[in-house]
N, C-alpha and C. Protein backbone atom coordinates (compact mmCIF):
# COMPACT_ATOMS: atom_id res chain seq x y z
N MET A 1 125.78 54.53 132.83
CA MET A 1 126.41 53.23 132.89
C MET A 1 126.95 53.04 134.31
N ASP A 2 126.66 51.92 134.93
CA ASP A 2 127.12 51.68 136.29
C ASP A 2 128.61 51.31 136.30
N ASP A 3 129.18 51.28 137.50
CA ASP A 3 130.61 51.05 137.67
C ASP A 3 131.06 49.71 137.08
N PHE A 4 130.28 48.66 137.28
CA PHE A 4 130.63 47.33 136.76
C PHE A 4 130.72 47.37 135.24
N HIS A 5 129.72 47.95 134.58
CA HIS A 5 129.70 47.99 133.12
C HIS A 5 130.77 48.92 132.56
N THR A 6 131.05 50.01 133.27
CA THR A 6 132.12 50.91 132.85
C THR A 6 133.46 50.19 132.88
N LYS A 7 133.74 49.49 133.97
CA LYS A 7 135.00 48.75 134.08
C LYS A 7 135.09 47.66 133.02
N ARG A 8 133.99 46.99 132.74
CA ARG A 8 133.97 45.94 131.71
C ARG A 8 134.26 46.54 130.34
N MET A 9 133.68 47.71 130.02
CA MET A 9 133.93 48.37 128.73
C MET A 9 135.40 48.75 128.60
N ILE A 10 135.98 49.29 129.67
CA ILE A 10 137.39 49.68 129.66
C ILE A 10 138.27 48.43 129.51
N LEU A 11 137.94 47.37 130.23
CA LEU A 11 138.70 46.12 130.12
C LEU A 11 138.68 45.60 128.69
N GLU A 12 137.52 45.59 128.06
CA GLU A 12 137.42 45.11 126.68
C GLU A 12 138.24 45.97 125.73
N PHE A 13 138.22 47.29 125.94
CA PHE A 13 139.04 48.18 125.12
C PHE A 13 140.52 47.88 125.31
N LEU A 14 140.96 47.76 126.56
CA LEU A 14 142.38 47.50 126.83
C LEU A 14 142.83 46.17 126.24
N ARG A 15 141.97 45.19 126.26
CA ARG A 15 142.34 43.87 125.73
C ARG A 15 142.49 43.86 124.21
N LYS A 16 142.04 44.89 123.55
CA LYS A 16 142.23 45.01 122.09
C LYS A 16 143.61 45.56 121.76
N HIS A 17 144.37 45.96 122.78
CA HIS A 17 145.67 46.58 122.59
C HIS A 17 146.75 45.83 123.35
N THR A 18 147.97 45.94 122.87
CA THR A 18 149.10 45.35 123.58
C THR A 18 150.28 46.32 123.68
N LEU A 19 150.09 47.54 123.22
CA LEU A 19 151.16 48.55 123.24
C LEU A 19 150.66 49.79 123.96
N ALA A 20 151.48 50.31 124.86
CA ALA A 20 151.13 51.50 125.63
C ALA A 20 152.33 52.42 125.72
N VAL A 21 152.07 53.67 126.00
CA VAL A 21 153.12 54.59 126.40
C VAL A 21 153.08 54.64 127.92
N ILE A 22 154.23 54.42 128.53
CA ILE A 22 154.35 54.45 129.98
C ILE A 22 155.16 55.68 130.37
N ALA A 23 154.73 56.36 131.42
CA ALA A 23 155.47 57.50 131.95
C ALA A 23 155.84 57.20 133.40
N THR A 24 157.11 57.45 133.71
CA THR A 24 157.62 57.31 135.06
C THR A 24 158.35 58.62 135.40
N CYS A 25 158.82 58.71 136.64
CA CYS A 25 159.48 59.94 137.06
C CYS A 25 160.81 59.62 137.71
N HIS A 26 161.86 60.26 137.22
CA HIS A 26 163.20 60.13 137.78
C HIS A 26 163.23 60.80 139.15
N ARG A 27 164.17 60.40 139.98
CA ARG A 27 164.24 60.98 141.34
C ARG A 27 164.44 62.49 141.34
N ASN A 28 165.00 63.06 140.26
CA ASN A 28 165.17 64.51 140.19
C ASN A 28 163.93 65.22 139.66
N GLY A 29 162.86 64.45 139.40
CA GLY A 29 161.60 65.04 138.94
C GLY A 29 161.42 65.03 137.43
N THR A 30 162.43 64.62 136.70
CA THR A 30 162.34 64.59 135.25
C THR A 30 161.39 63.47 134.81
N PRO A 31 160.38 63.80 134.01
CA PRO A 31 159.51 62.74 133.50
C PRO A 31 160.21 61.97 132.39
N GLU A 32 159.92 60.68 132.32
CA GLU A 32 160.49 59.84 131.27
C GLU A 32 159.37 58.96 130.72
N ALA A 33 159.33 58.80 129.40
CA ALA A 33 158.28 58.00 128.77
C ALA A 33 158.91 57.00 127.81
N ALA A 34 158.20 55.88 127.61
CA ALA A 34 158.65 54.84 126.70
C ALA A 34 157.43 54.04 126.27
N THR A 35 157.60 53.25 125.24
CA THR A 35 156.54 52.33 124.86
C THR A 35 156.83 50.97 125.49
N VAL A 36 155.77 50.28 125.88
CA VAL A 36 155.89 48.94 126.45
C VAL A 36 154.77 48.06 125.92
N ASP A 37 155.08 46.79 125.81
CA ASP A 37 154.03 45.80 125.59
C ASP A 37 153.36 45.58 126.94
N PHE A 38 152.06 45.28 126.91
CA PHE A 38 151.36 45.06 128.16
C PHE A 38 150.22 44.07 127.97
N SER A 39 149.75 43.57 129.09
CA SER A 39 148.49 42.82 129.12
C SER A 39 147.69 43.38 130.28
N VAL A 40 146.44 43.01 130.34
CA VAL A 40 145.58 43.53 131.41
C VAL A 40 144.83 42.36 132.05
N ARG A 41 144.74 42.41 133.37
CA ARG A 41 144.02 41.38 134.13
C ARG A 41 142.57 41.81 134.34
N ASP A 42 141.74 40.87 134.75
CA ASP A 42 140.32 41.16 134.95
C ASP A 42 140.07 42.30 135.92
N ASN A 43 140.98 42.49 136.88
CA ASN A 43 140.82 43.56 137.87
C ASN A 43 141.43 44.89 137.41
N LEU A 44 141.76 44.98 136.12
CA LEU A 44 142.33 46.17 135.47
C LEU A 44 143.78 46.44 135.85
N GLU A 45 144.45 45.48 136.45
CA GLU A 45 145.90 45.62 136.62
C GLU A 45 146.55 45.54 135.25
N ILE A 46 147.49 46.43 135.00
CA ILE A 46 148.28 46.36 133.78
C ILE A 46 149.58 45.65 134.12
N VAL A 47 149.95 44.68 133.29
CA VAL A 47 151.15 43.88 133.51
C VAL A 47 152.12 44.17 132.37
N PHE A 48 153.37 44.44 132.72
CA PHE A 48 154.40 44.73 131.72
C PHE A 48 155.74 44.23 132.24
N SER A 49 156.72 44.23 131.37
CA SER A 49 158.05 43.80 131.79
C SER A 49 159.08 44.82 131.32
N THR A 50 160.20 44.81 132.01
CA THR A 50 161.31 45.68 131.62
C THR A 50 162.60 45.07 132.17
N PHE A 51 163.70 45.46 131.57
CA PHE A 51 165.00 44.98 132.04
C PHE A 51 165.52 45.87 133.16
N LYS A 52 166.40 45.31 133.98
CA LYS A 52 166.95 46.03 135.12
C LYS A 52 167.83 47.21 134.72
N ASP A 53 168.31 47.24 133.48
CA ASP A 53 169.19 48.33 133.06
C ASP A 53 168.44 49.47 132.36
N THR A 54 167.11 49.53 132.53
CA THR A 54 166.33 50.60 131.90
C THR A 54 166.06 51.74 132.89
N ARG A 55 165.79 52.91 132.34
CA ARG A 55 165.43 54.04 133.19
C ARG A 55 164.14 53.77 133.95
N LYS A 56 163.15 53.16 133.28
CA LYS A 56 161.87 52.92 133.97
C LYS A 56 162.04 51.99 135.16
N PHE A 57 162.93 50.99 135.05
CA PHE A 57 163.18 50.10 136.19
C PHE A 57 163.72 50.89 137.37
N ASP A 58 164.74 51.71 137.12
CA ASP A 58 165.31 52.53 138.20
C ASP A 58 164.27 53.48 138.78
N ASN A 59 163.50 54.11 137.90
CA ASN A 59 162.48 55.05 138.37
C ASN A 59 161.45 54.35 139.26
N LEU A 60 160.96 53.20 138.81
CA LEU A 60 159.93 52.49 139.56
C LEU A 60 160.46 51.94 140.88
N ALA A 61 161.75 51.65 140.94
CA ALA A 61 162.34 51.17 142.19
C ALA A 61 162.27 52.25 143.26
N GLU A 62 162.31 53.51 142.85
CA GLU A 62 162.29 54.63 143.80
C GLU A 62 160.93 55.31 143.91
N ARG A 63 160.21 55.35 142.80
CA ARG A 63 158.91 56.02 142.76
C ARG A 63 157.94 55.12 141.99
N PRO A 64 156.99 54.50 142.67
CA PRO A 64 156.12 53.55 142.00
C PRO A 64 155.00 54.18 141.15
N GLY A 65 154.86 55.49 141.23
CA GLY A 65 153.81 56.13 140.44
C GLY A 65 154.07 55.96 138.95
N VAL A 66 153.02 55.62 138.22
CA VAL A 66 153.14 55.36 136.79
C VAL A 66 151.88 55.86 136.08
N ALA A 67 152.05 56.23 134.82
CA ALA A 67 150.91 56.61 133.98
C ALA A 67 151.07 55.92 132.63
N PHE A 68 149.94 55.55 132.04
CA PHE A 68 149.92 54.92 130.72
C PHE A 68 148.93 55.66 129.83
N VAL A 69 149.19 55.62 128.55
CA VAL A 69 148.21 56.00 127.53
C VAL A 69 148.12 54.83 126.57
N ILE A 70 146.88 54.38 126.35
CA ILE A 70 146.63 53.24 125.47
C ILE A 70 145.62 53.65 124.41
N GLY A 71 145.90 53.26 123.17
CA GLY A 71 144.99 53.57 122.07
C GLY A 71 145.24 54.96 121.53
N TRP A 72 144.97 55.16 120.29
CA TRP A 72 145.04 56.48 119.67
C TRP A 72 144.63 56.41 118.22
N ASN A 73 144.77 55.29 117.55
CA ASN A 73 144.44 55.21 116.13
C ASN A 73 142.96 55.32 115.84
N ASP A 74 142.11 54.92 116.77
CA ASP A 74 140.67 54.91 116.53
C ASP A 74 139.95 56.04 117.24
N ASN A 75 140.67 57.06 117.68
CA ASN A 75 140.12 58.22 118.38
C ASN A 75 139.52 57.87 119.73
N ILE A 76 139.91 56.73 120.27
CA ILE A 76 139.54 56.34 121.62
C ILE A 76 140.83 56.09 122.38
N THR A 77 140.92 56.64 123.58
CA THR A 77 142.10 56.43 124.40
C THR A 77 141.71 56.10 125.83
N VAL A 78 142.63 55.47 126.52
CA VAL A 78 142.52 55.29 127.96
C VAL A 78 143.76 55.89 128.58
N GLN A 79 143.54 56.79 129.53
CA GLN A 79 144.62 57.30 130.36
C GLN A 79 144.50 56.58 131.69
N TYR A 80 145.63 56.16 132.24
CA TYR A 80 145.63 55.26 133.39
C TYR A 80 146.73 55.72 134.32
N GLU A 81 146.40 55.97 135.57
CA GLU A 81 147.39 56.31 136.57
C GLU A 81 147.31 55.29 137.69
N GLY A 82 148.47 54.89 138.20
CA GLY A 82 148.47 53.91 139.27
C GLY A 82 149.82 53.75 139.92
N GLU A 83 149.96 52.65 140.63
CA GLU A 83 151.19 52.30 141.32
C GLU A 83 151.71 50.99 140.74
N ALA A 84 152.97 50.97 140.34
CA ALA A 84 153.57 49.77 139.76
C ALA A 84 154.52 49.13 140.77
N THR A 85 154.38 47.83 140.92
CA THR A 85 155.26 47.07 141.79
C THR A 85 155.69 45.80 141.07
N ARG A 86 156.83 45.26 141.48
CA ARG A 86 157.29 44.00 140.90
C ARG A 86 156.30 42.90 141.27
N VAL A 87 156.08 42.00 140.33
CA VAL A 87 155.23 40.85 140.62
C VAL A 87 155.97 39.97 141.62
N PRO A 88 155.32 39.62 142.73
CA PRO A 88 155.99 38.77 143.74
C PRO A 88 156.38 37.41 143.16
N ALA A 89 157.48 36.88 143.64
CA ALA A 89 157.99 35.59 143.15
C ALA A 89 156.92 34.50 143.23
N ALA A 90 156.10 34.53 144.27
CA ALA A 90 155.07 33.50 144.44
C ALA A 90 154.02 33.54 143.33
N ASP A 91 153.87 34.70 142.68
CA ASP A 91 152.83 34.88 141.65
C ASP A 91 153.39 34.92 140.23
N ILE A 92 154.71 34.86 140.09
CA ILE A 92 155.34 35.13 138.79
C ILE A 92 154.85 34.21 137.68
N GLU A 93 154.70 32.91 137.93
CA GLU A 93 154.28 32.00 136.87
C GLU A 93 152.89 32.34 136.36
N GLN A 94 151.98 32.64 137.27
CA GLN A 94 150.61 33.01 136.89
C GLN A 94 150.60 34.28 136.04
N TYR A 95 151.35 35.29 136.45
CA TYR A 95 151.40 36.55 135.70
C TYR A 95 152.08 36.37 134.35
N GLN A 96 153.20 35.63 134.33
CA GLN A 96 153.91 35.41 133.06
C GLN A 96 153.04 34.67 132.06
N GLU A 97 152.33 33.66 132.51
CA GLU A 97 151.48 32.88 131.60
C GLU A 97 150.42 33.78 130.96
N ALA A 98 149.73 34.56 131.77
CA ALA A 98 148.70 35.44 131.24
C ALA A 98 149.30 36.51 130.33
N TYR A 99 150.44 37.05 130.73
CA TYR A 99 151.12 38.08 129.94
C TYR A 99 151.52 37.54 128.58
N LEU A 100 152.13 36.36 128.57
CA LEU A 100 152.60 35.78 127.32
C LEU A 100 151.46 35.29 126.43
N ASN A 101 150.31 35.00 127.01
CA ASN A 101 149.13 34.69 126.19
C ASN A 101 148.70 35.92 125.39
N SER A 102 148.87 37.09 125.98
CA SER A 102 148.50 38.34 125.29
C SER A 102 149.61 38.84 124.39
N VAL A 103 150.86 38.67 124.82
CA VAL A 103 152.01 39.21 124.10
C VAL A 103 153.05 38.09 123.91
N PRO A 104 152.75 37.11 123.07
CA PRO A 104 153.66 35.96 122.93
C PRO A 104 155.06 36.33 122.43
N ALA A 105 155.19 37.40 121.70
CA ALA A 105 156.51 37.80 121.18
C ALA A 105 157.47 38.20 122.29
N ASP A 106 156.95 38.49 123.48
CA ASP A 106 157.82 38.91 124.59
C ASP A 106 158.45 37.74 125.34
N ARG A 107 158.18 36.52 124.90
CA ARG A 107 158.77 35.35 125.57
C ARG A 107 160.29 35.48 125.63
N GLU A 108 160.91 35.93 124.54
CA GLU A 108 162.37 36.05 124.54
C GLU A 108 162.86 37.04 125.58
N PHE A 109 162.10 38.12 125.84
CA PHE A 109 162.50 39.10 126.86
C PHE A 109 162.41 38.48 128.25
N ILE A 110 161.37 37.72 128.49
CA ILE A 110 161.22 37.05 129.78
C ILE A 110 162.36 36.06 129.98
N GLU A 111 162.65 35.30 128.93
CA GLU A 111 163.73 34.31 129.02
C GLU A 111 165.09 34.97 129.21
N ARG A 112 165.25 36.21 128.76
CA ARG A 112 166.51 36.95 128.93
C ARG A 112 166.56 37.71 130.25
N GLY A 113 165.53 37.56 131.10
CA GLY A 113 165.59 38.14 132.43
C GLY A 113 164.78 39.40 132.66
N ALA A 114 163.88 39.74 131.76
CA ALA A 114 163.04 40.92 131.99
C ALA A 114 162.23 40.70 133.27
N VAL A 115 162.02 41.77 133.99
CA VAL A 115 161.32 41.74 135.27
C VAL A 115 159.85 42.11 135.04
N MET A 116 158.95 41.32 135.65
CA MET A 116 157.52 41.56 135.52
C MET A 116 157.05 42.56 136.56
N PHE A 117 156.26 43.53 136.10
CA PHE A 117 155.62 44.51 136.98
C PHE A 117 154.12 44.44 136.80
N LYS A 118 153.41 44.84 137.85
CA LYS A 118 151.96 45.00 137.76
C LYS A 118 151.62 46.39 138.25
N ALA A 119 150.73 47.04 137.53
CA ALA A 119 150.28 48.37 137.92
C ALA A 119 148.84 48.27 138.40
N THR A 120 148.59 48.78 139.58
CA THR A 120 147.26 48.81 140.14
C THR A 120 146.67 50.20 139.89
N PRO A 121 145.46 50.26 139.33
CA PRO A 121 144.91 51.57 138.97
C PRO A 121 144.49 52.41 140.18
N ARG A 122 144.69 53.72 140.06
CA ARG A 122 144.15 54.72 140.99
C ARG A 122 143.08 55.55 140.30
N TRP A 123 143.31 55.80 138.98
CA TRP A 123 142.43 56.68 138.21
C TRP A 123 142.52 56.25 136.75
N ILE A 124 141.37 56.15 136.09
CA ILE A 124 141.32 55.82 134.66
C ILE A 124 140.33 56.76 133.99
N ARG A 125 140.72 57.25 132.81
CA ARG A 125 139.78 58.02 131.99
C ARG A 125 139.72 57.39 130.61
N TYR A 126 138.51 57.04 130.21
CA TYR A 126 138.21 56.52 128.88
C TYR A 126 137.66 57.70 128.08
N SER A 127 138.25 57.96 126.91
CA SER A 127 137.83 59.09 126.07
C SER A 127 137.51 58.59 124.67
N ASP A 128 136.28 58.83 124.23
CA ASP A 128 135.86 58.47 122.87
C ASP A 128 135.59 59.76 122.11
N PHE A 129 136.54 60.15 121.23
CA PHE A 129 136.43 61.38 120.48
C PHE A 129 135.68 61.20 119.16
N ASN A 130 135.12 60.01 118.95
CA ASN A 130 134.27 59.78 117.78
C ASN A 130 132.87 60.31 118.01
N LYS A 131 132.54 60.60 119.27
CA LYS A 131 131.20 61.07 119.63
C LYS A 131 131.21 62.58 119.78
N GLU A 132 130.05 63.16 119.58
CA GLU A 132 129.92 64.61 119.73
C GLU A 132 128.80 64.89 120.71
N PRO A 133 129.08 65.44 121.88
CA PRO A 133 130.41 65.77 122.38
C PRO A 133 131.17 64.50 122.72
N PRO A 134 132.49 64.62 122.87
CA PRO A 134 133.27 63.42 123.22
C PRO A 134 132.75 62.77 124.50
N GLU A 135 132.80 61.45 124.53
CA GLU A 135 132.41 60.71 125.72
C GLU A 135 133.64 60.57 126.62
N LEU A 136 133.56 61.10 127.82
CA LEU A 136 134.66 61.05 128.79
C LEU A 136 134.14 60.39 130.06
N ILE A 137 134.74 59.28 130.40
CA ILE A 137 134.32 58.53 131.58
C ILE A 137 135.52 58.38 132.50
N LYS A 138 135.37 58.81 133.76
CA LYS A 138 136.46 58.71 134.74
C LYS A 138 136.08 57.74 135.85
N ILE A 139 137.09 56.99 136.29
CA ILE A 139 136.91 56.08 137.42
C ILE A 139 138.02 56.36 138.43
N GLN A 140 137.65 56.51 139.69
CA GLN A 140 138.59 56.62 140.80
C GLN A 140 138.59 55.29 141.54
N PHE A 141 139.74 54.86 141.99
CA PHE A 141 139.84 53.60 142.74
C PHE A 141 140.25 53.89 144.18
């Protein structure tokens, strides 16, 4: 499968989900994980929101490295590593609209001041454990 079709397959898988486990790292090196609602853009950016009083917000302010795990009930998962940055003010309406189309229940969080982040991928692994041997596809960016 070529790179274009691999990315398209991963995008389609991610769009079937709206919940991920996110991992960030505290300045002292302690890993921290949480669940987040998310959406995904055509370029495989993951978009999520969080409040300023959360550990992940503080962690990302100092260390933008982030990892996600998406999917698990159907024996297919995506592991995703990248860099998360706040969505720039000039782009916020565009990102919020797309995000809320995928996760409409998060409107109240946005209205209460949740901050939008976008994660740009560095490495993605798609794993399908329904196949024998398991299908493992890695992409470097």
